[in-house]
Structure formats: C-alpha cells, structure tokens
Amino acid sequence: MLIVLRKHFPNIKTVYIIDWIPEQGEDIITFLIDTSVIAQIEFDLMDLDSEPTVEICSIDVYSNGFRKLAQIKLAVALDLAHRDIER
C-alpha cells in the first residue's frame, strides 16, 4: 500500500485509512492524504502484480451528502492529520 501511495503522492506527510471495503476479488481502501486529498485505491487480490486503480478527489467532493457517522470519522482523521503535520 505504501508503495502505491508514495508513487502517486511523493511528498506525503501523513495518511489515514478512513474506509476499507473488502471484496472477494479486490479491496477498496479510502485514504486521507495529508489534510487535503482523498484517494480511493482498488487493489486486485486475484492478480497481485496488476497496477491498483487510484481515484483522487477533494474532501468537499468526497464528503458531500455524508451521514453523521461518516462525518465524524472524517473529522477525526482530519484532526489527527493536522496534528501530525504540525509536529
């Protein structure tokens, strides 16, 4: 995972997993990158040599229409990321 993240975000300072959907053939993991970007990466579990699919969006686009629990998860991740970067 870290190799894929560093490839797409070479200057990454902090990262948090905010969602993980395990499927039979793939895992879809949503990451908060630093404090500004959401990356959703789909890892193919059947072909580990294949390049993962990466989708990138802003926090505003990602969080549009969230329910309360999802808003709280994102807020906690953002707070932790801000603390990491301030250190």
N, C-alpha and C. Protein backbone atom coordinates (compact mmCIF):
# COMPACT_ATOMS: atom_id res chain seq x y z
N MET A 1 0.81 -1.19 0.00
CA MET A 1 0.00 0.00 0.00
C MET A 1 0.85 1.26 0.00
N LEU A 2 1.86 1.28 0.85
CA LEU A 2 2.69 2.47 0.97
C LEU A 2 3.42 2.77 -0.34
N ILE A 3 3.82 1.74 -1.05
CA ILE A 3 4.50 1.94 -2.34
C ILE A 3 3.56 2.65 -3.31
N VAL A 4 2.32 2.23 -3.37
CA VAL A 4 1.34 2.86 -4.27
C VAL A 4 1.10 4.30 -3.85
N LEU A 5 0.95 4.55 -2.55
CA LEU A 5 0.72 5.90 -2.07
C LEU A 5 1.91 6.81 -2.39
N ARG A 6 3.11 6.34 -2.15
CA ARG A 6 4.31 7.15 -2.43
C ARG A 6 4.47 7.41 -3.93
N LYS A 7 4.06 6.48 -4.75
CA LYS A 7 4.15 6.66 -6.21
C LYS A 7 3.24 7.82 -6.65
N HIS A 8 2.04 7.88 -6.11
CA HIS A 8 1.08 8.91 -6.52
C HIS A 8 1.21 10.20 -5.71
N PHE A 9 1.76 10.11 -4.51
CA PHE A 9 1.91 11.26 -3.62
C PHE A 9 3.33 11.25 -3.04
N PRO A 10 4.32 11.65 -3.82
CA PRO A 10 5.71 11.52 -3.36
C PRO A 10 6.06 12.38 -2.14
N ASN A 11 5.33 13.45 -1.90
CA ASN A 11 5.62 14.34 -0.77
C ASN A 11 4.67 14.13 0.41
N ILE A 12 4.12 12.96 0.51
CA ILE A 12 3.13 12.66 1.55
C ILE A 12 3.76 12.83 2.94
N LYS A 13 2.99 13.47 3.83
CA LYS A 13 3.45 13.67 5.20
C LYS A 13 2.73 12.74 6.17
N THR A 14 1.43 12.54 5.94
CA THR A 14 0.65 11.67 6.82
C THR A 14 -0.51 11.07 6.01
N VAL A 15 -0.96 9.92 6.45
CA VAL A 15 -2.06 9.25 5.75
C VAL A 15 -2.89 8.47 6.77
N TYR A 16 -4.21 8.49 6.57
CA TYR A 16 -5.12 7.74 7.42
C TYR A 16 -6.10 6.97 6.54
N ILE A 17 -6.36 5.73 6.91
CA ILE A 17 -7.41 4.95 6.25
C ILE A 17 -8.73 5.38 6.86
N ILE A 18 -9.65 5.84 6.01
CA ILE A 18 -10.95 6.25 6.53
C ILE A 18 -12.08 5.31 6.11
N ASP A 19 -11.78 4.39 5.21
CA ASP A 19 -12.77 3.38 4.84
C ASP A 19 -12.06 2.22 4.17
N TRP A 20 -12.57 1.01 4.38
CA TRP A 20 -11.98 -0.20 3.78
C TRP A 20 -13.13 -1.13 3.45
N ILE A 21 -13.25 -1.46 2.18
CA ILE A 21 -14.30 -2.38 1.73
C ILE A 21 -13.63 -3.64 1.20
N PRO A 22 -13.62 -4.71 1.98
CA PRO A 22 -13.05 -5.97 1.50
C PRO A 22 -14.07 -6.69 0.61
N GLU A 23 -13.64 -7.04 -0.56
CA GLU A 23 -14.47 -7.79 -1.51
C GLU A 23 -13.78 -9.13 -1.76
N GLN A 24 -14.43 -9.99 -2.52
CA GLN A 24 -13.82 -11.29 -2.82
C GLN A 24 -12.61 -11.14 -3.73
N GLY A 25 -12.72 -10.28 -4.74
CA GLY A 25 -11.63 -10.17 -5.71
C GLY A 25 -10.78 -8.93 -5.55
N GLU A 26 -11.22 -7.98 -4.71
CA GLU A 26 -10.44 -6.76 -4.53
C GLU A 26 -10.73 -6.14 -3.17
N ASP A 27 -9.83 -5.29 -2.76
CA ASP A 27 -10.03 -4.45 -1.58
C ASP A 27 -10.09 -3.02 -2.07
N ILE A 28 -11.06 -2.25 -1.58
CA ILE A 28 -11.17 -0.85 -1.92
C ILE A 28 -10.93 -0.07 -0.63
N ILE A 29 -9.85 0.70 -0.63
CA ILE A 29 -9.43 1.41 0.57
C ILE A 29 -9.45 2.91 0.27
N THR A 30 -10.05 3.67 1.18
CA THR A 30 -10.10 5.12 1.04
C THR A 30 -9.16 5.74 2.06
N PHE A 31 -8.26 6.60 1.56
CA PHE A 31 -7.24 7.22 2.39
C PHE A 31 -7.44 8.73 2.45
N LEU A 32 -7.15 9.31 3.59
CA LEU A 32 -7.00 10.75 3.71
C LEU A 32 -5.50 11.01 3.58
N ILE A 33 -5.13 11.77 2.57
CA ILE A 33 -3.73 12.10 2.32
C ILE A 33 -3.48 13.51 2.84
N ASP A 34 -2.54 13.62 3.78
CA ASP A 34 -2.27 14.88 4.46
C ASP A 34 -3.59 15.46 4.97
N THR A 35 -3.95 16.67 4.61
CA THR A 35 -5.21 17.23 5.09
C THR A 35 -6.07 17.76 3.96
N SER A 36 -5.78 17.32 2.72
CA SER A 36 -6.48 17.97 1.61
C SER A 36 -7.00 17.04 0.52
N VAL A 37 -6.57 15.81 0.49
CA VAL A 37 -6.90 14.93 -0.64
C VAL A 37 -7.44 13.59 -0.14
N ILE A 38 -8.43 13.09 -0.86
CA ILE A 38 -8.94 11.75 -0.63
C ILE A 38 -8.51 10.88 -1.81
N ALA A 39 -7.94 9.73 -1.51
CA ALA A 39 -7.55 8.78 -2.55
C ALA A 39 -8.25 7.45 -2.28
N GLN A 40 -8.97 6.96 -3.30
CA GLN A 40 -9.61 5.66 -3.19
C GLN A 40 -8.83 4.71 -4.10
N ILE A 41 -8.27 3.66 -3.51
CA ILE A 41 -7.41 2.74 -4.24
C ILE A 41 -8.03 1.35 -4.21
N GLU A 42 -8.14 0.77 -5.39
CA GLU A 42 -8.69 -0.58 -5.54
C GLU A 42 -7.55 -1.54 -5.84
N PHE A 43 -7.33 -2.47 -4.93
CA PHE A 43 -6.28 -3.48 -5.07
C PHE A 43 -6.90 -4.78 -5.55
N ASP A 44 -6.40 -5.31 -6.66
CA ASP A 44 -6.88 -6.58 -7.22
C ASP A 44 -6.22 -7.72 -6.45
N LEU A 45 -7.00 -8.50 -5.74
CA LEU A 45 -6.47 -9.59 -4.93
C LEU A 45 -6.20 -10.85 -5.75
N MET A 46 -6.78 -10.93 -6.93
CA MET A 46 -6.59 -12.10 -7.78
C MET A 46 -5.31 -11.99 -8.60
N ASP A 47 -4.88 -10.75 -8.89
CA ASP A 47 -3.67 -10.51 -9.67
C ASP A 47 -2.84 -9.47 -8.93
N LEU A 48 -2.00 -9.93 -8.03
CA LEU A 48 -1.23 -9.04 -7.18
C LEU A 48 -0.19 -8.22 -7.95
N ASP A 49 0.12 -8.64 -9.18
CA ASP A 49 1.07 -7.89 -10.00
C ASP A 49 0.42 -6.75 -10.77
N SER A 50 -0.90 -6.70 -10.78
CA SER A 50 -1.60 -5.65 -11.53
C SER A 50 -1.49 -4.31 -10.80
N GLU A 51 -1.54 -3.25 -11.57
CA GLU A 51 -1.47 -1.90 -11.02
C GLU A 51 -2.80 -1.54 -10.37
N PRO A 52 -2.80 -1.10 -9.13
CA PRO A 52 -4.04 -0.72 -8.46
C PRO A 52 -4.69 0.48 -9.16
N THR A 53 -6.02 0.56 -9.09
CA THR A 53 -6.76 1.68 -9.63
C THR A 53 -6.82 2.77 -8.56
N VAL A 54 -6.45 4.00 -8.94
CA VAL A 54 -6.41 5.10 -7.99
C VAL A 54 -7.36 6.20 -8.46
N GLU A 55 -8.27 6.60 -7.58
CA GLU A 55 -9.15 7.74 -7.85
C GLU A 55 -8.88 8.78 -6.78
N ILE A 56 -8.74 10.04 -7.22
CA ILE A 56 -8.40 11.13 -6.32
C ILE A 56 -9.50 12.18 -6.38
N CYS A 57 -9.87 12.72 -5.21
CA CYS A 57 -10.85 13.81 -5.18
C CYS A 57 -10.59 14.69 -3.96
N SER A 58 -11.25 15.84 -3.94
CA SER A 58 -11.13 16.74 -2.79
C SER A 58 -11.99 16.24 -1.64
N ILE A 59 -11.73 16.75 -0.47
CA ILE A 59 -12.51 16.38 0.70
C ILE A 59 -13.96 16.81 0.53
N ASP A 60 -14.17 18.00 -0.03
CA ASP A 60 -15.54 18.51 -0.23
C ASP A 60 -16.35 17.59 -1.14
N VAL A 61 -15.76 17.17 -2.24
CA VAL A 61 -16.46 16.27 -3.16
C VAL A 61 -16.74 14.93 -2.49
N TYR A 62 -15.75 14.40 -1.79
CA TYR A 62 -15.89 13.10 -1.13
C TYR A 62 -16.97 13.11 -0.05
N SER A 63 -17.02 14.19 0.74
CA SER A 63 -17.91 14.21 1.90
C SER A 63 -19.31 14.74 1.60
N ASN A 64 -19.58 15.09 0.37
CA ASN A 64 -20.90 15.61 0.01
C ASN A 64 -21.99 14.57 0.28
N GLY A 65 -22.93 14.90 1.15
CA GLY A 65 -24.05 14.01 1.45
C GLY A 65 -23.77 12.95 2.50
N PHE A 66 -22.67 13.09 3.23
CA PHE A 66 -22.32 12.12 4.27
C PHE A 66 -23.36 12.10 5.39
N ARG A 67 -23.52 10.94 5.96
CA ARG A 67 -24.30 10.80 7.19
C ARG A 67 -23.40 11.13 8.37
N LYS A 68 -23.99 11.20 9.54
CA LYS A 68 -23.29 11.66 10.74
C LYS A 68 -22.04 10.83 11.07
N LEU A 69 -22.14 9.50 11.05
CA LEU A 69 -21.00 8.65 11.40
C LEU A 69 -19.83 8.87 10.45
N ALA A 70 -20.10 8.95 9.16
CA ALA A 70 -19.04 9.18 8.18
C ALA A 70 -18.41 10.56 8.38
N GLN A 71 -19.22 11.56 8.73
CA GLN A 71 -18.70 12.91 9.00
C GLN A 71 -17.76 12.88 10.20
N ILE A 72 -18.13 12.13 11.23
CA ILE A 72 -17.31 12.03 12.43
C ILE A 72 -15.98 11.34 12.12
N LYS A 73 -16.02 10.24 11.38
CA LYS A 73 -14.79 9.53 11.00
C LYS A 73 -13.84 10.44 10.25
N LEU A 74 -14.38 11.20 9.30
CA LEU A 74 -13.54 12.11 8.52
C LEU A 74 -13.00 13.24 9.40
N ALA A 75 -13.83 13.77 10.28
CA ALA A 75 -13.39 14.85 11.17
C ALA A 75 -12.26 14.39 12.09
N VAL A 76 -12.36 13.18 12.61
CA VAL A 76 -11.31 12.64 13.48
C VAL A 76 -10.01 12.46 12.68
N ALA A 77 -10.11 11.90 11.48
CA ALA A 77 -8.92 11.71 10.64
C ALA A 77 -8.28 13.05 10.30
N LEU A 78 -9.09 14.06 9.98
CA LEU A 78 -8.56 15.39 9.67
C LEU A 78 -7.86 16.00 10.89
N ASP A 79 -8.44 15.84 12.06
CA ASP A 79 -7.83 16.36 13.28
C ASP A 79 -6.48 15.69 13.53
N LEU A 80 -6.43 14.38 13.40
CA LEU A 80 -5.17 13.66 13.59
C LEU A 80 -4.12 14.05 12.55
N ALA A 81 -4.54 14.23 11.31
CA ALA A 81 -3.63 14.63 10.24
C ALA A 81 -3.07 16.02 10.50
N HIS A 82 -3.92 16.94 10.94
CA HIS A 82 -3.44 18.29 11.27
C HIS A 82 -2.39 18.23 12.38
N ARG A 83 -2.63 17.41 13.38
CA ARG A 83 -1.68 17.26 14.49
C ARG A 83 -0.35 16.68 14.00
N ASP A 84 -0.42 15.69 13.11
CA ASP A 84 0.80 15.09 12.56
C ASP A 84 1.63 16.12 11.81
N ILE A 85 0.98 16.93 11.02
CA ILE A 85 1.68 17.91 10.18
C ILE A 85 2.28 19.03 11.03
N GLU A 86 1.60 19.39 12.10
CA GLU A 86 2.10 20.47 12.98
C GLU A 86 3.34 20.08 13.75
N ARG A 87 3.58 18.79 13.92
CA ARG A 87 4.75 18.32 14.71
C ARG A 87 6.04 18.64 14.05
